[in-house]
PDB file of all heavy atoms in Angstrom:
ATOM      1  N   THR A   1      48.967 155.177  38.324  1.00  0.00           N
ATOM      2  CA  THR A   1      49.666 154.515  39.418  1.00  0.00           C
ATOM      3  C   THR A   1      51.170 154.921  39.357  1.00  0.00           C
ATOM      4  O   THR A   1      51.693 155.099  38.180  1.00  0.00           O
ATOM      5  CB  THR A   1      49.681 152.986  39.432  1.00  0.00           C
ATOM      6  OG1 THR A   1      50.172 152.466  38.159  1.00  0.00           O
ATOM      7  CG2 THR A   1      48.154 152.475  39.571  1.00  0.00           C
ATOM      8  N   LEU A   2      51.807 154.961  40.470  1.00  0.00           N
ATOM      9  CA  LEU A   2      53.257 155.276  40.490  1.00  0.00           C
ATOM     10  C   LEU A   2      53.866 154.015  41.134  1.00  0.00           C
ATOM     11  O   LEU A   2      53.466 153.613  42.172  1.00  0.00           O
ATOM     12  CB  LEU A   2      53.524 156.527  41.303  1.00  0.00           C
ATOM     13  CG  LEU A   2      53.170 157.809  40.560  1.00  0.00           C
ATOM     14  CD1 LEU A   2      51.776 158.242  41.019  1.00  0.00           C
ATOM     15  CD2 LEU A   2      54.177 158.857  40.801  1.00  0.00           C
ATOM     16  N   GLU A   3      54.920 153.454  40.481  1.00  0.00           N
ATOM     17  CA  GLU A   3      55.558 152.329  40.999  1.00  0.00           C
ATOM     18  C   GLU A   3      57.167 152.608  41.047  1.00  0.00           C
ATOM     19  O   GLU A   3      57.621 153.518  40.329  1.00  0.00           O
ATOM     20  CB  GLU A   3      55.403 151.147  40.062  1.00  0.00           C
ATOM     21  CG  GLU A   3      53.967 150.671  39.959  1.00  0.00           C
ATOM     22  CD  GLU A   3      53.475 149.860  41.064  1.00  0.00           C
ATOM     23  OE1 GLU A   3      54.204 149.658  42.113  1.00  0.00           O
ATOM     24  OE2 GLU A   3      52.268 149.446  41.049  1.00  0.00           O
ATOM     25  N   GLY A   4      57.802 151.892  41.926  1.00  0.00           N
ATOM     26  CA  GLY A   4      59.249 151.993  41.969  1.00  0.00           C
ATOM     27  C   GLY A   4      59.747 151.525  43.349  1.00  0.00           C
ATOM     28  O   GLY A   4      58.885 151.290  44.263  1.00  0.00           O
ATOM     29  N   GLY A   5      60.980 151.380  43.489  1.00  0.00           N
ATOM     30  CA  GLY A   5      61.560 150.955  44.726  1.00  0.00           C
ATOM     31  C   GLY A   5      61.423 151.937  45.861  1.00  0.00           C
ATOM     32  O   GLY A   5      60.900 153.067  45.733  1.00  0.00           O
ATOM     33  N   GLU A   6      61.846 151.526  47.023  1.00  0.00           N
ATOM     34  CA  GLU A   6      61.810 152.451  48.208  1.00  0.00           C
ATOM     35  C   GLU A   6      62.686 153.656  47.970  1.00  0.00           C
ATOM     36  O   GLU A   6      63.787 153.603  47.485  1.00  0.00           O
ATOM     37  CB  GLU A   6      62.212 151.712  49.533  1.00  0.00           C
ATOM     38  CG  GLU A   6      61.415 150.418  49.839  1.00  0.00           C
ATOM     39  CD  GLU A   6      59.965 150.773  50.058  1.00  0.00           C
ATOM     40  OE1 GLU A   6      59.705 151.785  50.703  1.00  0.00           O
ATOM     41  OE2 GLU A   6      59.183 149.950  49.579  1.00  0.00           O
ATOM     42  N   GLY A   7      62.126 154.804  48.315  1.00  0.00           N
ATOM     43  CA  GLY A   7      62.878 156.081  48.253  1.00  0.00           C
ATOM     44  C   GLY A   7      63.083 156.666  46.890  1.00  0.00           C
ATOM     45  O   GLY A   7      63.949 157.510  46.721  1.00  0.00           O
ATOM     46  N   THR A   8      62.304 156.232  45.922  1.00  0.00           N
ATOM     47  CA  THR A   8      62.453 156.744  44.563  1.00  0.00           C
ATOM     48  C   THR A   8      61.643 158.016  44.335  1.00  0.00           C
ATOM     49  O   THR A   8      61.711 158.600  43.247  1.00  0.00           O
ATOM     50  CB  THR A   8      62.109 155.719  43.579  1.00  0.00           C
ATOM     51  OG1 THR A   8      60.745 155.246  43.804  1.00  0.00           O
ATOM     52  CG2 THR A   8      63.053 154.499  43.572  1.00  0.00           C
ATOM     53  N   GLY A   9      60.776 158.350  45.306  1.00  0.00           N
ATOM     54  CA  GLY A   9      60.043 159.646  45.122  1.00  0.00           C
ATOM     55  C   GLY A   9      58.554 159.468  44.706  1.00  0.00           C
ATOM     56  O   GLY A   9      57.949 160.429  44.259  1.00  0.00           O
ATOM     57  N   LYS A  10      58.022 158.154  44.868  1.00  0.00           N
ATOM     58  CA  LYS A  10      56.653 157.962  44.464  1.00  0.00           C
ATOM     59  C   LYS A  10      55.693 158.937  45.158  1.00  0.00           C
ATOM     60  O   LYS A  10      54.866 159.546  44.478  1.00  0.00           O
ATOM     61  CB  LYS A  10      56.256 156.497  44.719  1.00  0.00           C
ATOM     62  CG  LYS A  10      57.042 155.458  43.888  1.00  0.00           C
ATOM     63  CD  LYS A  10      56.661 154.106  44.274  1.00  0.00           C
ATOM     64  CE  LYS A  10      56.913 153.767  45.702  1.00  0.00           C
ATOM     65  NZ  LYS A  10      58.284 153.931  46.233  1.00  0.00           N
ATOM     66  N   SER A  11      55.730 159.018  46.459  1.00  0.00           N
ATOM     67  CA  SER A  11      54.854 159.776  47.263  1.00  0.00           C
ATOM     68  C   SER A  11      54.993 161.258  46.893  1.00  0.00           C
ATOM     69  O   SER A  11      54.009 162.006  46.694  1.00  0.00           O
ATOM     70  CB  SER A  11      55.107 159.610  48.768  1.00  0.00           C
ATOM     71  OG  SER A  11      54.831 158.329  49.069  1.00  0.00           O
ATOM     72  N   THR A  12      56.215 161.714  46.688  1.00  0.00           N
ATOM     73  CA  THR A  12      56.400 163.173  46.261  1.00  0.00           C
ATOM     74  C   THR A  12      55.850 163.438  44.955  1.00  0.00           C
ATOM     75  O   THR A  12      55.117 164.428  44.753  1.00  0.00           O
ATOM     76  CB  THR A  12      57.935 163.427  46.267  1.00  0.00           C
ATOM     77  OG1 THR A  12      58.453 163.184  47.668  1.00  0.00           O
ATOM     78  CG2 THR A  12      58.214 164.881  45.844  1.00  0.00           C
ATOM     79  N   HIS A  13      56.098 162.567  43.984  1.00  0.00           N
ATOM     80  CA  HIS A  13      55.535 162.744  42.601  1.00  0.00           C
ATOM     81  C   HIS A  13      54.059 162.636  42.585  1.00  0.00           C
ATOM     82  O   HIS A  13      53.313 163.310  41.852  1.00  0.00           O
ATOM     83  CB  HIS A  13      56.201 161.819  41.686  1.00  0.00           C
ATOM     84  CG  HIS A  13      57.625 162.268  41.274  1.00  0.00           C
ATOM     85  ND1 HIS A  13      58.683 161.948  41.986  1.00  0.00           N
ATOM     86  CD2 HIS A  13      58.075 163.036  40.216  1.00  0.00           C
ATOM     87  CE1 HIS A  13      59.764 162.517  41.441  1.00  0.00           C
ATOM     88  NE2 HIS A  13      59.378 163.134  40.373  1.00  0.00           N
ATOM     89  N   ALA A  14      53.408 161.707  43.429  1.00  0.00           N
ATOM     90  CA  ALA A  14      51.978 161.579  43.544  1.00  0.00           C
ATOM     91  C   ALA A  14      51.454 162.928  44.009  1.00  0.00           C
ATOM     92  O   ALA A  14      50.380 163.404  43.454  1.00  0.00           O
ATOM     93  CB  ALA A  14      51.594 160.436  44.457  1.00  0.00           C
ATOM     94  N   LYS A  15      52.043 163.569  45.002  1.00  0.00           N
ATOM     95  CA  LYS A  15      51.559 164.812  45.529  1.00  0.00           C
ATOM     96  C   LYS A  15      51.655 165.876  44.457  1.00  0.00           C
ATOM     97  O   LYS A  15      50.824 166.674  44.274  1.00  0.00           O
ATOM     98  CB  LYS A  15      52.386 165.166  46.686  1.00  0.00           C
ATOM     99  CG  LYS A  15      51.980 166.532  47.361  1.00  0.00           C
ATOM    100  CD  LYS A  15      52.792 166.867  48.535  1.00  0.00           C
ATOM    101  CE  LYS A  15      52.402 168.194  49.050  1.00  0.00           C
ATOM    102  NZ  LYS A  15      53.320 168.654  50.093  1.00  0.00           N
ATOM    103  N   LEU A  16      52.765 165.955  43.771  1.00  0.00           N
ATOM    104  CA  LEU A  16      53.055 166.931  42.692  1.00  0.00           C
ATOM    105  C   LEU A  16      52.016 166.719  41.537  1.00  0.00           C
ATOM    106  O   LEU A  16      51.420 167.747  41.040  1.00  0.00           O
ATOM    107  CB  LEU A  16      54.388 166.831  42.122  1.00  0.00           C
ATOM    108  CG  LEU A  16      55.542 167.361  43.133  1.00  0.00           C
ATOM    109  CD1 LEU A  16      56.897 167.071  42.599  1.00  0.00           C
ATOM    110  CD2 LEU A  16      55.391 168.845  43.464  1.00  0.00           C
ATOM    111  N   LEU A  17      51.796 165.487  41.134  1.00  0.00           N
ATOM    112  CA  LEU A  17      50.881 165.190  40.046  1.00  0.00           C
ATOM    113  C   LEU A  17      49.443 165.560  40.493  1.00  0.00           C
ATOM    114  O   LEU A  17      48.674 166.195  39.680  1.00  0.00           O
ATOM    115  CB  LEU A  17      50.947 163.745  39.678  1.00  0.00           C
ATOM    116  CG  LEU A  17      49.983 163.286  38.571  1.00  0.00           C
ATOM    117  CD1 LEU A  17      50.238 164.146  37.316  1.00  0.00           C
ATOM    118  CD2 LEU A  17      50.208 161.826  38.254  1.00  0.00           C
ATOM    119  N   THR A  18      49.027 165.278  41.685  1.00  0.00           N
ATOM    120  CA  THR A  18      47.687 165.562  42.217  1.00  0.00           C
ATOM    121  C   THR A  18      47.500 167.113  42.151  1.00  0.00           C
ATOM    122  O   THR A  18      46.546 167.614  41.755  1.00  0.00           O
ATOM    123  CB  THR A  18      47.635 165.107  43.680  1.00  0.00           C
ATOM    124  OG1 THR A  18      47.597 163.714  43.662  1.00  0.00           O
ATOM    125  CG2 THR A  18      46.253 165.590  44.307  1.00  0.00           C
ATOM    126  N   GLU A  19      48.529 167.897  42.634  1.00  0.00           N
ATOM    127  CA  GLU A  19      48.431 169.349  42.674  1.00  0.00           C
ATOM    128  C   GLU A  19      48.262 169.935  41.208  1.00  0.00           C
ATOM    129  O   GLU A  19      47.446 170.772  41.004  1.00  0.00           O
ATOM    130  CB  GLU A  19      49.657 169.958  43.274  1.00  0.00           C
ATOM    131  CG  GLU A  19      49.682 169.743  44.803  1.00  0.00           C
ATOM    132  CD  GLU A  19      50.986 170.095  45.476  1.00  0.00           C
ATOM    133  OE1 GLU A  19      51.882 170.575  44.752  1.00  0.00           O
ATOM    134  OE2 GLU A  19      51.158 169.943  46.702  1.00  0.00           O
ATOM    135  N   ALA A  20      49.019 169.340  40.327  1.00  0.00           N
ATOM    136  CA  ALA A  20      48.948 169.872  38.880  1.00  0.00           C
ATOM    137  C   ALA A  20      47.585 169.583  38.285  1.00  0.00           C
ATOM    138  O   ALA A  20      47.053 170.388  37.632  1.00  0.00           O
ATOM    139  CB  ALA A  20      50.096 169.226  38.061  1.00  0.00           C
ATOM    140  N   LEU A  21      47.059 168.325  38.543  1.00  0.00           N
ATOM    141  CA  LEU A  21      45.756 167.970  37.950  1.00  0.00           C
ATOM    142  C   LEU A  21      44.679 168.809  38.666  1.00  0.00           C
ATOM    143  O   LEU A  21      43.684 169.246  37.915  1.00  0.00           O
ATOM    144  CB  LEU A  21      45.541 166.482  38.168  1.00  0.00           C
ATOM    145  CG  LEU A  21      46.321 165.545  37.319  1.00  0.00           C
ATOM    146  CD1 LEU A  21      46.176 164.163  37.734  1.00  0.00           C
ATOM    147  CD2 LEU A  21      45.894 165.696  35.794  1.00  0.00           C
ATOM    148  N   ARG A  22      44.790 169.116  39.948  1.00  0.00           N
ATOM    149  CA  ARG A  22      43.799 169.929  40.521  1.00  0.00           C
ATOM    150  C   ARG A  22      43.845 171.360  40.013  1.00  0.00           C
ATOM    151  O   ARG A  22      42.820 172.022  39.787  1.00  0.00           O
ATOM    152  CB  ARG A  22      43.958 169.932  42.070  1.00  0.00           C
ATOM    153  CG  ARG A  22      43.472 168.600  42.705  1.00  0.00           C
ATOM    154  CD  ARG A  22      43.670 168.581  44.225  1.00  0.00           C
ATOM    155  NE  ARG A  22      43.089 167.352  44.734  1.00  0.00           N
ATOM    156  CZ  ARG A  22      43.495 166.771  45.843  1.00  0.00           C
ATOM    157  NH1 ARG A  22      44.481 167.306  46.641  1.00  0.00           N
ATOM    158  NH2 ARG A  22      42.963 165.582  46.198  1.00  0.00           N
ATOM    159  N   ASP A  23      45.064 171.849  39.808  1.00  0.00           N
ATOM    160  CA  ASP A  23      45.217 173.188  39.204  1.00  0.00           C
ATOM    161  C   ASP A  23      44.514 173.298  37.898  1.00  0.00           C
ATOM    162  O   ASP A  23      44.136 174.336  37.346  1.00  0.00           O
ATOM    163  CB  ASP A  23      46.657 173.458  39.127  1.00  0.00           C
ATOM    164  CG  ASP A  23      47.287 173.874  40.466  1.00  0.00           C
ATOM    165  OD1 ASP A  23      46.509 173.977  41.504  1.00  0.00           O
ATOM    166  OD2 ASP A  23      48.580 173.971  40.547  1.00  0.00           O
ATOM    167  N   ASP A  24      44.575 172.061  37.146  1.00  0.00           N
ATOM    168  CA  ASP A  24      43.949 172.035  35.766  1.00  0.00           C
ATOM    169  C   ASP A  24      42.370 171.792  35.911  1.00  0.00           C
ATOM    170  O   ASP A  24      41.798 171.616  34.782  1.00  0.00           O
ATOM    171  CB  ASP A  24      44.668 170.884  35.067  1.00  0.00           C
ATOM    172  CG  ASP A  24      44.498 171.071  33.493  1.00  0.00           C
ATOM    173  OD1 ASP A  24      44.457 172.193  33.078  1.00  0.00           O
ATOM    174  OD2 ASP A  24      44.436 170.039  32.832  1.00  0.00           O
ATOM    175  N   GLY A  25      41.864 171.718  37.096  1.00  0.00           N
ATOM    176  CA  GLY A  25      40.363 171.638  37.271  1.00  0.00           C
ATOM    177  C   GLY A  25      39.884 170.274  37.508  1.00  0.00           C
ATOM    178  O   GLY A  25      38.633 170.083  37.515  1.00  0.00           O
ATOM    179  N   HIS A  26      40.705 169.246  37.690  1.00  0.00           N
ATOM    180  CA  HIS A  26      40.256 167.886  37.982  1.00  0.00           C
ATOM    181  C   HIS A  26      40.075 167.669  39.427  1.00  0.00           C
ATOM    182  O   HIS A  26      40.796 168.135  40.252  1.00  0.00           O
ATOM    183  CB  HIS A  26      41.259 166.829  37.361  1.00  0.00           C
ATOM    184  CG  HIS A  26      41.462 166.940  35.903  1.00  0.00           C
ATOM    185  ND1 HIS A  26      40.531 166.470  35.018  1.00  0.00           N
ATOM    186  CD2 HIS A  26      42.498 167.511  35.177  1.00  0.00           C
ATOM    187  CE1 HIS A  26      41.004 166.703  33.748  1.00  0.00           C
ATOM    188  NE2 HIS A  26      42.170 167.317  33.892  1.00  0.00           N
ATOM    189  N   VAL A  27      39.081 166.777  39.683  1.00  0.00           N
ATOM    190  CA  VAL A  27      38.934 166.243  41.003  1.00  0.00           C
ATOM    191  C   VAL A  27      39.826 165.051  41.168  1.00  0.00           C
ATOM    192  O   VAL A  27      39.717 164.120  40.257  1.00  0.00           O
ATOM    193  CB  VAL A  27      37.442 165.877  41.290  1.00  0.00           C
ATOM    194  CG1 VAL A  27      37.294 165.169  42.713  1.00  0.00           C
ATOM    195  CG2 VAL A  27      36.484 167.137  41.146  1.00  0.00           C
ATOM    196  N   VAL A  28      40.631 165.057  42.163  1.00  0.00           N
ATOM    197  CA  VAL A  28      41.640 163.970  42.224  1.00  0.00           C
ATOM    198  C   VAL A  28      41.585 163.298  43.562  1.00  0.00           C
ATOM    199  O   VAL A  28      41.581 164.004  44.676  1.00  0.00           O
ATOM    200  CB  VAL A  28      43.165 164.502  42.080  1.00  0.00           C
ATOM    201  CG1 VAL A  28      44.187 163.444  42.101  1.00  0.00           C
ATOM    202  CG2 VAL A  28      43.185 165.326  40.753  1.00  0.00           C
TER     203      VAL A  28
END
């Protein structure tokens, strides 16, 4: 999970983490 206040980048980091995990072969 990603937590934090409004505008801290949660959605952006979720997208980046998803991409990195998929690149590593995980289903996300």
